[in-house]
Amino acid sequence: MAEDAESRVRAKRSDDRMGHLDRLSKLPDSLLCQVLLNLPTKDVVKTSVLSSRWENIWRSVPGLDLGYGDFPDYNAFVSFVDSFLGFNRESCLQNFKLNYQYLRLKYKWNWTELDNANVTRWINTVIKRKVEHLHVLDGRWLEDEMQIPQTVYTCESLVSLKLSDVIFNNPKSVSLPCVKVMHLDIVKFANDWAFEMLISGCPVLESLTIERSACDNVDHLRVCSQSLLSFTLLGHCNGDMDEEQVVAIDAPRLEYLKLYCHSFIINNPASLVKMAIHIRFNLSFEKRFDPNDLPKRNMIRNFLLGISNVKEMDISSYTLEAIYNYSRCERLPLFRNLSSLHADFDDYRWEMLPVFLESCPNLKSLSLGFSKSPGEEPISILPEPHCNLPSLEFIDIGKPMVEEATELELMSYFLENSTILKKLTLRLGDFRGNEESAFLKKLLTIPRLSSSCQVVIL
């Protein structure tokens, strides 16, 4: 009896498993295709071996997502893309993501005009099929550059557009009425006007990411958009770039801003809530801050006033250094709405931080990161009495220092000046022998202004 019962249980479990597979197989093709749309095409094709039910499902998936290394040679690559686009050619495509970065390195392909012709032909085909998400990553580093065909500039179905290592020539017109997300990675434009036409032709654009190179042909990067909510600018802070290039944005609905550049002008910043900034203000080791440089002071003043309403901020030590130097000449604006701040230091010069913190009267949470990197000569920081930090409740120091005296000095600043501090989290470095015990004893001797402060050692 017991054996029969156990056998029935095993049989039921087996039936349940088979039933589960049957239920999956009985799903309509349209639903299965939407599930498979989230997988790379090479994995979608593998489902054809599951059963006869799955043998041809992959052909109806409304998207293509191919990466480098998916094919043994160039001819196989071209043949597969042509074949796939030949299936269901009257139906619409949701995704076309073509990433052939590094293929030349792996297979030593000789790129010719034929390669550009193939990609152009594929893009024109998917545009006709009303593609919604077009991602083309060339990866030939602007050698035999791929030019984006004119059909892309007026595609009414596009919702997201991601381009890498391609050329955007002078368009006759740009009309992308549905594009909400755009990512431009080392895209070369014919001139400033071509870039501005692209942005102005996207009336519902919400998210824009630009990764720049020294040869993108845009000297005055101006972003004017009434719909933009998020803007990220990267790769505009290296030695090859013209330090005086202009970057300006006018986006009254902008909520998130991430900048890695030399200088920046922002207009209509009333909606800005969160930002990450690594801006040198065209300053470097060779070109230090000059208190008599009034245009430079005006640039920094206008920028600080423009971002003074943000609530969350991530800031680099280079930007803090420029702000500190500016504060020796003019009073900093108050950041009354700032409640959360993260600061990254490429060295241990935390002494420039208090000047900025004292302009943040409602700051509640602060996190710091430190890394020791030799190179630039340290700035001269003037000693001065520190003011209390009346609103700071949480401090997290994410990476330990290796200089005990500097770390203890930093702990003293926070513990002795934070009125209502609730928790300070500190990560210890690699101490030797009794060094850790000695450090902790010194830490315990630091007086605390807040009676409820908890120090957590990780």
Protein backbone atom coordinates (compact mmCIF):
# COMPACT_ATOMS: atom_id res chain seq x y z
CA MET A 1 0.00 0.00 0.00
CA ALA A 2 2.77 2.40 1.01
CA GLU A 3 4.69 1.57 -2.17
CA ASP A 4 1.58 2.18 -4.30
CA ALA A 5 0.99 5.54 -2.62
CA GLU A 6 4.61 6.55 -3.19
CA SER A 7 4.38 5.49 -6.83
CA ARG A 8 1.22 7.55 -7.32
CA VAL A 9 2.96 10.60 -5.78
CA ARG A 10 5.94 10.18 -8.11
CA ALA A 11 3.63 9.78 -11.07
CA LYS A 12 1.66 12.89 -10.09
CA ARG A 13 4.87 14.90 -9.78
CA SER A 14 5.96 13.67 -13.20
CA ASP A 15 2.56 14.56 -14.65
CA ASP A 16 2.78 18.01 -13.06
CA ARG A 17 6.15 18.59 -14.64
CA MET A 18 4.93 17.41 -18.01
CA GLY A 19 1.80 19.47 -17.58
CA HIS A 20 3.92 22.50 -16.86
CA LEU A 21 5.87 21.93 -20.07
CA ASP A 22 2.65 21.35 -21.96
CA ARG A 23 1.19 24.56 -20.63
CA LEU A 24 4.30 26.46 -21.74
CA SER A 25 4.17 24.90 -25.18
CA LYS A 26 0.49 25.74 -25.48
CA LEU A 27 1.10 29.45 -25.08
CA PRO A 28 0.31 31.40 -28.25
CA ASP A 29 3.20 32.20 -30.58
CA SER A 30 2.77 35.93 -30.00
CA LEU A 31 3.37 35.54 -26.25
CA LEU A 32 6.34 33.20 -26.68
CA CYS A 33 7.90 35.65 -29.13
CA GLN A 34 7.58 38.49 -26.62
CA VAL A 35 9.35 36.35 -24.02
CA LEU A 36 12.14 35.44 -26.44
CA LEU A 37 12.50 39.08 -27.47
CA ASN A 38 14.32 39.68 -24.19
CA LEU A 39 17.11 37.21 -25.07
CA PRO A 40 20.11 37.59 -27.41
CA THR A 41 19.33 36.11 -30.81
CA LYS A 42 21.96 33.36 -30.47
CA ASP A 43 20.08 32.07 -27.40
CA VAL A 44 16.72 32.43 -29.11
CA VAL A 45 17.90 30.23 -31.98
CA LYS A 46 18.96 27.53 -29.49
CA THR A 47 15.32 27.05 -28.42
CA SER A 48 14.63 25.47 -31.82
CA VAL A 49 16.06 22.14 -30.55
CA LEU A 50 13.63 21.89 -27.63
CA SER A 51 10.86 20.23 -29.63
CA SER A 52 9.03 20.40 -32.92
CA ARG A 53 6.74 23.01 -31.32
CA TRP A 54 9.73 25.31 -30.88
CA GLU A 55 11.52 24.55 -34.13
CA ASN A 56 10.47 27.69 -36.01
CA ILE A 57 9.34 30.03 -33.23
CA TRP A 58 12.62 31.97 -33.34
CA ARG A 59 11.91 33.05 -36.91
CA SER A 60 8.88 35.05 -35.72
CA VAL A 61 10.56 36.90 -32.86
CA PRO A 62 10.13 40.64 -33.68
CA GLY A 63 13.71 41.58 -32.95
CA LEU A 64 17.35 40.87 -33.74
CA ASP A 65 20.10 41.19 -31.11
CA LEU A 66 23.50 40.06 -32.38
CA GLY A 67 26.86 40.56 -30.71
CA TYR A 68 30.46 39.97 -31.73
CA GLY A 69 31.62 36.39 -31.63
CA ASP A 70 28.23 34.94 -32.58
CA PHE A 71 29.48 33.70 -35.97
CA PRO A 72 32.56 31.87 -37.27
CA ASP A 73 33.16 34.27 -40.16
CA TYR A 74 31.88 37.37 -41.92
CA ASN A 75 29.92 35.56 -44.63
CA ALA A 76 27.98 33.59 -42.03
CA PHE A 77 27.23 36.83 -40.20
CA VAL A 78 25.86 38.55 -43.32
CA SER A 79 23.95 35.48 -44.42
CA PHE A 80 22.18 35.11 -41.09
CA VAL A 81 21.12 38.76 -40.87
CA ASP A 82 19.83 38.67 -44.46
CA SER A 83 17.91 35.47 -43.78
CA PHE A 84 16.38 36.74 -40.57
CA LEU A 85 15.22 39.99 -42.14
CA GLY A 86 13.68 37.92 -44.94
CA PHE A 87 11.34 36.16 -42.49
CA ASN A 88 7.92 37.76 -42.03
CA ARG A 89 9.08 40.76 -44.00
CA GLU A 90 5.66 42.39 -43.85
CA SER A 91 5.56 42.41 -40.05
CA CYS A 92 6.87 45.15 -37.75
CA LEU A 93 10.15 44.83 -35.82
CA GLN A 94 10.49 46.00 -32.26
CA ASN A 95 14.28 45.70 -31.86
CA PHE A 96 17.29 45.77 -34.14
CA LYS A 97 20.50 45.65 -32.13
CA LEU A 98 23.66 45.08 -34.09
CA ASN A 99 26.93 45.05 -32.18
CA TYR A 100 29.95 44.17 -34.27
CA GLN A 101 32.57 45.79 -32.09
CA TYR A 102 35.92 44.00 -32.02
CA LEU A 103 34.95 41.59 -34.79
CA ARG A 104 37.83 42.89 -36.86
CA LEU A 105 40.25 42.04 -34.04
CA LYS A 106 38.83 38.57 -33.52
CA TYR A 107 38.42 37.50 -37.13
CA LYS A 108 40.75 39.99 -38.82
CA TRP A 109 38.02 41.03 -41.23
CA ASN A 110 39.03 43.50 -43.92
CA TRP A 111 36.44 46.25 -43.70
CA THR A 112 35.42 47.62 -47.07
CA GLU A 113 32.68 49.73 -48.56
CA LEU A 114 30.68 46.50 -48.82
CA ASP A 115 30.42 46.34 -45.02
CA ASN A 116 28.94 49.83 -44.86
CA ALA A 117 26.59 48.96 -47.70
CA ASN A 118 25.33 45.89 -45.84
CA VAL A 119 24.64 47.78 -42.63
CA THR A 120 22.97 50.61 -44.53
CA ARG A 121 20.78 48.10 -46.37
CA TRP A 122 19.81 46.41 -43.08
CA ILE A 123 18.98 49.72 -41.42
CA ASN A 124 16.83 50.81 -44.35
CA THR A 125 15.03 47.46 -44.19
CA VAL A 126 14.20 47.67 -40.49
CA ILE A 127 13.10 51.29 -40.87
CA LYS A 128 10.56 50.13 -43.44
CA ARG A 129 9.42 47.52 -40.94
CA LYS A 130 8.74 50.29 -38.38
CA VAL A 131 11.50 49.35 -35.93
CA GLU A 132 11.09 50.85 -32.44
CA HIS A 133 14.55 50.31 -30.92
CA LEU A 134 17.59 50.76 -33.17
CA HIS A 135 21.03 50.13 -31.67
CA VAL A 136 24.03 50.10 -34.01
CA LEU A 137 27.50 49.77 -32.47
CA ASP A 138 30.16 49.90 -35.17
CA GLY A 139 33.42 49.69 -33.22
CA ARG A 140 35.85 50.41 -36.04
CA TRP A 141 37.05 53.54 -34.27
CA LEU A 142 36.11 55.88 -37.14
CA GLU A 143 38.14 53.97 -39.74
CA ASP A 144 36.11 53.61 -42.96
CA GLU A 145 33.34 55.27 -40.99
CA MET A 146 29.79 54.07 -41.20
CA GLN A 147 27.40 56.87 -42.20
CA ILE A 148 23.91 56.75 -40.76
CA PRO A 149 21.44 56.65 -43.70
CA GLN A 150 18.98 59.50 -44.16
CA THR A 151 16.03 57.19 -43.49
CA VAL A 152 16.90 57.15 -39.79
CA TYR A 153 16.44 60.93 -39.51
CA THR A 154 12.72 60.72 -40.29
CA CYS A 155 11.72 57.38 -38.77
CA GLU A 156 8.33 57.88 -37.14
CA SER A 157 8.36 54.55 -35.26
CA LEU A 158 11.68 54.89 -33.39
CA VAL A 159 11.43 55.03 -29.59
CA SER A 160 15.10 54.55 -28.68
CA LEU A 161 18.25 55.19 -30.73
CA LYS A 162 21.74 54.09 -29.71
CA LEU A 163 24.68 54.75 -32.04
CA SER A 164 28.39 54.08 -31.55
CA ASP A 165 31.39 54.97 -33.73
CA VAL A 166 29.32 56.21 -36.67
CA ILE A 167 28.96 59.44 -38.66
CA PHE A 168 25.91 61.68 -38.51
CA ASN A 169 26.08 63.85 -41.63
CA ASN A 170 24.17 67.03 -42.39
CA PRO A 171 20.54 65.93 -42.62
CA LYS A 172 18.03 67.70 -44.84
CA SER A 173 15.58 67.46 -41.97
CA VAL A 174 15.13 65.55 -38.71
CA SER A 175 11.75 64.33 -37.50
CA LEU A 176 11.81 61.65 -34.80
CA PRO A 177 8.43 62.21 -33.12
CA CYS A 178 8.55 59.14 -30.83
CA VAL A 179 12.20 58.98 -29.73
CA LYS A 180 12.40 59.10 -25.93
CA VAL A 181 15.85 57.59 -25.32
CA MET A 182 19.06 58.44 -27.20
CA HIS A 183 22.62 57.25 -26.56
CA LEU A 184 25.43 58.66 -28.72
CA ASP A 185 28.80 56.99 -28.13
CA ILE A 186 31.70 58.62 -30.00
CA VAL A 187 29.45 59.74 -32.82
CA LYS A 188 31.03 62.07 -35.35
CA PHE A 189 28.85 64.95 -36.56
CA ALA A 190 29.32 67.06 -39.65
CA ASN A 191 29.26 70.21 -37.48
CA ASP A 192 27.51 71.85 -34.50
CA TRP A 193 24.35 72.42 -36.51
CA ALA A 194 23.94 68.73 -37.34
CA PHE A 195 23.91 67.88 -33.64
CA GLU A 196 21.46 70.63 -32.79
CA MET A 197 19.14 69.50 -35.59
CA LEU A 198 19.15 65.97 -34.21
CA ILE A 199 18.12 67.09 -30.73
CA SER A 200 15.55 69.63 -31.91
CA GLY A 201 13.99 66.95 -34.11
CA CYS A 202 13.10 64.82 -31.05
CA PRO A 203 10.14 66.64 -29.42
CA VAL A 204 9.51 63.95 -26.74
CA LEU A 205 13.14 63.09 -25.89
CA GLU A 206 13.43 62.22 -22.18
CA SER A 207 16.87 60.63 -21.75
CA LEU A 208 20.07 61.68 -23.56
CA THR A 209 23.53 60.17 -23.03
CA ILE A 210 26.57 61.46 -24.91
CA GLU A 211 30.05 59.93 -24.76
CA ARG A 212 32.39 62.26 -26.60
CA SER A 213 35.72 61.96 -28.39
CA ALA A 214 38.25 64.57 -29.50
CA CYS A 215 37.12 64.27 -33.12
CA ASP A 216 33.34 64.55 -32.95
CA ASN A 217 33.43 67.92 -34.79
CA VAL A 218 31.16 69.62 -32.24
CA ASP A 219 32.81 72.71 -30.76
CA HIS A 220 29.73 74.20 -29.11
CA LEU A 221 27.62 71.42 -27.66
CA ARG A 222 24.19 72.94 -27.07
CA VAL A 223 21.27 70.85 -25.86
CA CYS A 224 17.92 72.62 -26.06
CA SER A 225 14.94 70.46 -25.20
CA GLN A 226 11.56 71.13 -23.63
CA SER A 227 11.00 67.45 -22.82
CA LEU A 228 14.40 66.23 -21.55
CA LEU A 229 14.39 64.69 -18.05
CA SER A 230 17.83 63.06 -17.87
CA PHE A 231 21.15 64.14 -19.43
CA THR A 232 24.54 62.41 -19.15
CA LEU A 233 27.72 63.79 -20.70
CA LEU A 234 30.91 61.71 -20.48
CA GLY A 235 34.39 61.67 -21.94
CA HIS A 236 34.86 65.42 -22.40
CA CYS A 237 37.60 65.86 -19.81
CA ASN A 238 40.78 64.47 -21.36
CA GLY A 239 43.94 66.09 -22.54
CA ASP A 240 43.12 65.75 -26.22
CA MET A 241 40.04 67.94 -26.03
CA ASP A 242 39.98 71.67 -26.57
CA GLU A 243 39.61 73.01 -23.03
CA GLU A 244 37.57 75.97 -24.17
CA GLN A 245 34.84 73.95 -25.88
CA VAL A 246 31.40 75.15 -24.86
CA VAL A 247 28.83 72.82 -23.28
CA ALA A 248 25.43 74.36 -22.57
CA ILE A 249 22.01 72.99 -21.80
CA ASP A 250 18.59 74.57 -21.75
CA ALA A 251 16.08 71.98 -20.52
CA PRO A 252 13.48 73.35 -18.10
CA ARG A 253 12.14 69.89 -17.16
CA LEU A 254 15.55 68.33 -16.48
CA GLU A 255 15.61 66.26 -13.27
CA TYR A 256 18.88 64.27 -13.49
CA LEU A 257 22.25 65.54 -14.70
CA LYS A 258 25.59 63.70 -14.91
CA LEU A 259 28.62 65.62 -16.16
CA TYR A 260 32.20 64.65 -16.86
CA CYS A 261 33.56 67.67 -18.69
CA HIS A 262 35.75 70.79 -18.57
CA SER A 263 33.01 73.39 -18.24
CA PHE A 264 29.27 73.65 -18.39
CA ILE A 265 26.53 76.27 -18.68
CA ILE A 266 23.05 75.43 -17.47
CA ASN A 267 19.91 77.46 -18.03
CA ASN A 268 16.42 76.93 -16.56
CA PRO A 269 17.56 74.49 -13.84
CA ALA A 270 14.45 74.81 -11.64
CA SER A 271 13.44 71.12 -11.93
CA LEU A 272 16.90 69.65 -11.27
CA VAL A 273 16.76 67.09 -8.43
CA LYS A 274 19.80 64.82 -8.74
CA MET A 275 23.24 65.26 -10.28
CA ALA A 276 26.74 63.80 -10.52
CA ILE A 277 29.49 66.26 -11.44
CA HIS A 278 33.14 65.94 -12.39
CA ILE A 279 33.92 69.37 -13.82
CA ARG A 280 37.34 71.03 -13.95
CA PHE A 281 36.10 74.44 -15.16
CA ASN A 282 38.94 74.40 -17.70
CA LEU A 283 41.49 74.22 -14.87
CA SER A 284 44.46 71.85 -14.70
CA PHE A 285 47.89 71.49 -13.14
CA GLU A 286 49.28 73.84 -15.79
CA LYS A 287 46.33 76.25 -15.56
CA ARG A 288 45.54 76.99 -11.92
CA PHE A 289 42.69 79.09 -10.61
CA ASP A 290 43.44 82.80 -10.93
CA PRO A 291 41.44 85.02 -8.52
CA ASN A 292 41.78 87.89 -11.01
CA ASP A 293 40.21 85.89 -13.83
CA LEU A 294 36.72 87.43 -13.66
CA PRO A 295 35.23 85.40 -16.57
CA LYS A 296 36.29 82.22 -14.77
CA ARG A 297 34.76 83.39 -11.52
CA ASN A 298 31.55 84.28 -13.32
CA MET A 299 31.46 80.81 -14.92
CA ILE A 300 31.78 79.07 -11.56
CA ARG A 301 29.32 81.44 -9.86
CA ASN A 302 26.67 80.93 -12.52
CA PHE A 303 27.10 77.17 -12.44
CA LEU A 304 26.81 76.98 -8.65
CA LEU A 305 23.73 79.18 -8.68
CA GLY A 306 22.24 76.98 -11.39
CA ILE A 307 22.59 73.77 -9.36
CA SER A 308 21.86 75.22 -5.92
CA ASN A 309 18.38 73.64 -5.70
CA VAL A 310 19.41 69.99 -6.16
CA LYS A 311 18.50 67.42 -3.50
CA GLU A 312 21.08 64.69 -4.25
CA MET A 313 24.64 65.23 -5.46
CA ASP A 314 27.70 63.18 -6.38
CA ILE A 315 30.81 65.36 -6.68
CA SER A 316 34.49 64.78 -7.52
CA SER A 317 37.50 66.18 -5.72
CA TYR A 318 38.46 68.17 -8.86
CA THR A 319 35.16 70.01 -8.72
CA LEU A 320 35.46 70.52 -4.97
CA GLU A 321 38.95 71.96 -5.50
CA ALA A 322 37.61 74.52 -7.99
CA ILE A 323 34.76 75.40 -5.62
CA TYR A 324 37.19 75.75 -2.71
CA ASN A 325 39.46 78.09 -4.69
CA TYR A 326 36.45 80.11 -5.79
CA SER A 327 35.29 80.40 -2.15
CA ARG A 328 38.51 82.25 -1.30
CA CYS A 329 37.23 85.07 -3.53
CA GLU A 330 33.44 84.97 -3.23
CA ARG A 331 30.88 83.51 -0.87
CA LEU A 332 29.31 80.25 -1.98
CA PRO A 333 25.54 80.12 -2.56
CA LEU A 334 23.50 78.07 -0.11
CA PHE A 335 22.39 74.59 -1.17
CA ARG A 336 19.25 74.61 0.97
CA ASN A 337 17.61 71.57 -0.64
CA LEU A 338 20.65 69.30 -0.63
CA SER A 339 19.96 66.33 1.66
CA SER A 340 22.33 63.65 0.28
CA LEU A 341 25.94 64.10 -0.86
CA HIS A 342 28.61 61.70 -2.09
CA ALA A 343 32.17 62.94 -2.63
CA ASP A 344 35.01 61.03 -4.30
CA PHE A 345 38.60 62.01 -3.54
CA ASP A 346 41.56 60.99 -5.69
CA ASP A 347 43.75 61.67 -2.66
CA TYR A 348 43.25 62.47 1.03
CA ARG A 349 42.76 66.24 0.78
CA TRP A 350 39.43 66.15 2.59
CA GLU A 351 40.16 69.59 4.14
CA MET A 352 38.55 71.29 1.13
CA LEU A 353 35.22 69.61 1.99
CA PRO A 354 34.14 71.69 5.05
CA VAL A 355 33.86 74.89 3.03
CA PHE A 356 31.26 73.22 0.83
CA LEU A 357 29.46 71.45 3.70
CA GLU A 358 28.96 74.73 5.50
CA SER A 359 26.90 75.87 2.49
CA CYS A 360 24.58 72.87 2.91
CA PRO A 361 22.45 73.73 5.97
CA ASN A 362 20.02 70.82 5.54
CA LEU A 363 22.37 68.00 4.56
CA LYS A 364 21.36 64.73 6.24
CA SER A 365 23.44 62.00 4.58
CA LEU A 366 27.10 62.11 3.51
CA SER A 367 29.24 59.37 1.97
CA LEU A 368 32.92 59.67 1.08
CA GLY A 369 35.31 57.65 -1.07
CA PHE A 370 39.09 57.91 -1.09
CA SER A 371 41.82 56.60 -3.36
CA LYS A 372 45.50 57.42 -3.26
CA SER A 373 46.78 58.36 -6.70
CA PRO A 374 50.11 60.19 -7.17
CA GLY A 375 50.37 62.92 -9.72
CA GLU A 376 49.02 66.40 -9.26
CA GLU A 377 50.57 68.76 -6.78
CA PRO A 378 48.29 69.28 -3.75
CA ILE A 379 46.60 72.65 -3.37
CA SER A 380 47.29 74.89 -0.42
CA ILE A 381 44.36 74.70 2.02
CA LEU A 382 44.13 77.51 4.53
CA PRO A 383 43.45 76.46 8.15
CA GLU A 384 40.31 78.00 9.61
CA PRO A 385 37.82 77.21 12.39
CA HIS A 386 35.10 74.77 11.38
CA CYS A 387 31.43 75.53 11.86
CA ASN A 388 28.94 73.04 13.29
CA LEU A 389 27.08 70.67 11.01
CA PRO A 390 23.55 71.08 12.42
CA SER A 391 21.59 68.66 10.18
CA LEU A 392 24.00 65.81 9.39
CA GLU A 393 22.64 62.46 10.60
CA PHE A 394 24.49 59.74 8.66
CA ILE A 395 28.10 59.51 7.45
CA ASP A 396 29.56 56.59 5.50
CA ILE A 397 33.24 56.44 4.59
CA GLY A 398 33.35 53.88 1.83
CA LYS A 399 37.06 53.24 1.42
CA PRO A 400 39.67 53.30 4.18
CA MET A 401 42.63 55.64 4.14
CA VAL A 402 46.14 54.36 4.70
CA GLU A 403 47.25 57.41 6.66
CA GLU A 404 46.14 57.01 10.28
CA ALA A 405 46.71 60.63 11.30
CA THR A 406 44.66 61.96 8.38
CA GLU A 407 41.82 59.54 9.09
CA LEU A 408 41.72 60.46 12.79
CA GLU A 409 41.67 64.14 11.85
CA LEU A 410 38.70 63.50 9.56
CA MET A 411 36.87 61.57 12.32
CA SER A 412 37.52 64.40 14.75
CA TYR A 413 36.03 66.93 12.36
CA PHE A 414 32.79 65.00 12.01
CA LEU A 415 32.38 63.83 15.60
CA GLU A 416 33.21 67.19 17.16
CA ASN A 417 31.07 69.31 14.82
CA SER A 418 27.97 67.23 14.00
CA THR A 419 25.14 68.29 16.31
CA ILE A 420 22.64 65.46 15.72
CA LEU A 421 24.81 62.77 14.11
CA LYS A 422 23.18 59.35 14.52
CA LYS A 423 25.58 56.99 12.78
CA LEU A 424 29.13 57.16 11.42
CA THR A 425 30.28 54.09 9.46
CA LEU A 426 34.02 53.62 9.01
CA ARG A 427 35.94 50.92 7.12
CA LEU A 428 39.38 50.08 8.45
CA GLY A 429 42.40 49.46 6.26
CA ASP A 430 44.97 46.69 6.56
CA PHE A 431 46.59 47.31 9.92
CA ARG A 432 49.61 45.39 11.10
CA GLY A 433 50.03 43.85 14.52
CA ASN A 434 48.60 46.10 17.21
CA GLU A 435 48.00 49.04 14.85
CA GLU A 436 44.25 48.41 14.65
CA SER A 437 43.88 48.28 18.42
CA ALA A 438 45.91 51.47 18.82
CA PHE A 439 43.80 53.24 16.17
CA LEU A 440 40.53 52.24 17.84
CA LYS A 441 41.76 53.49 21.22
CA LYS A 442 42.58 56.87 19.69
CA LEU A 443 39.19 56.93 17.96
CA LEU A 444 37.40 56.36 21.30
CA THR A 445 39.12 59.38 22.82
CA ILE A 446 37.59 61.78 20.27
CA PRO A 447 34.78 63.78 21.92
CA ARG A 448 31.33 63.62 20.28
CA LEU A 449 29.04 66.61 20.04
CA SER A 450 26.05 64.33 19.48
CA SER A 451 25.20 62.16 22.47
CA SER A 452 23.27 59.69 20.31
CA CYS A 453 26.03 59.08 17.76
CA GLN A 454 26.88 55.45 16.98
CA VAL A 455 30.26 54.67 15.41
CA VAL A 456 30.23 51.47 13.34
CA ILE A 457 33.54 49.85 12.37
CA LEU A 458 33.54 47.49 9.37
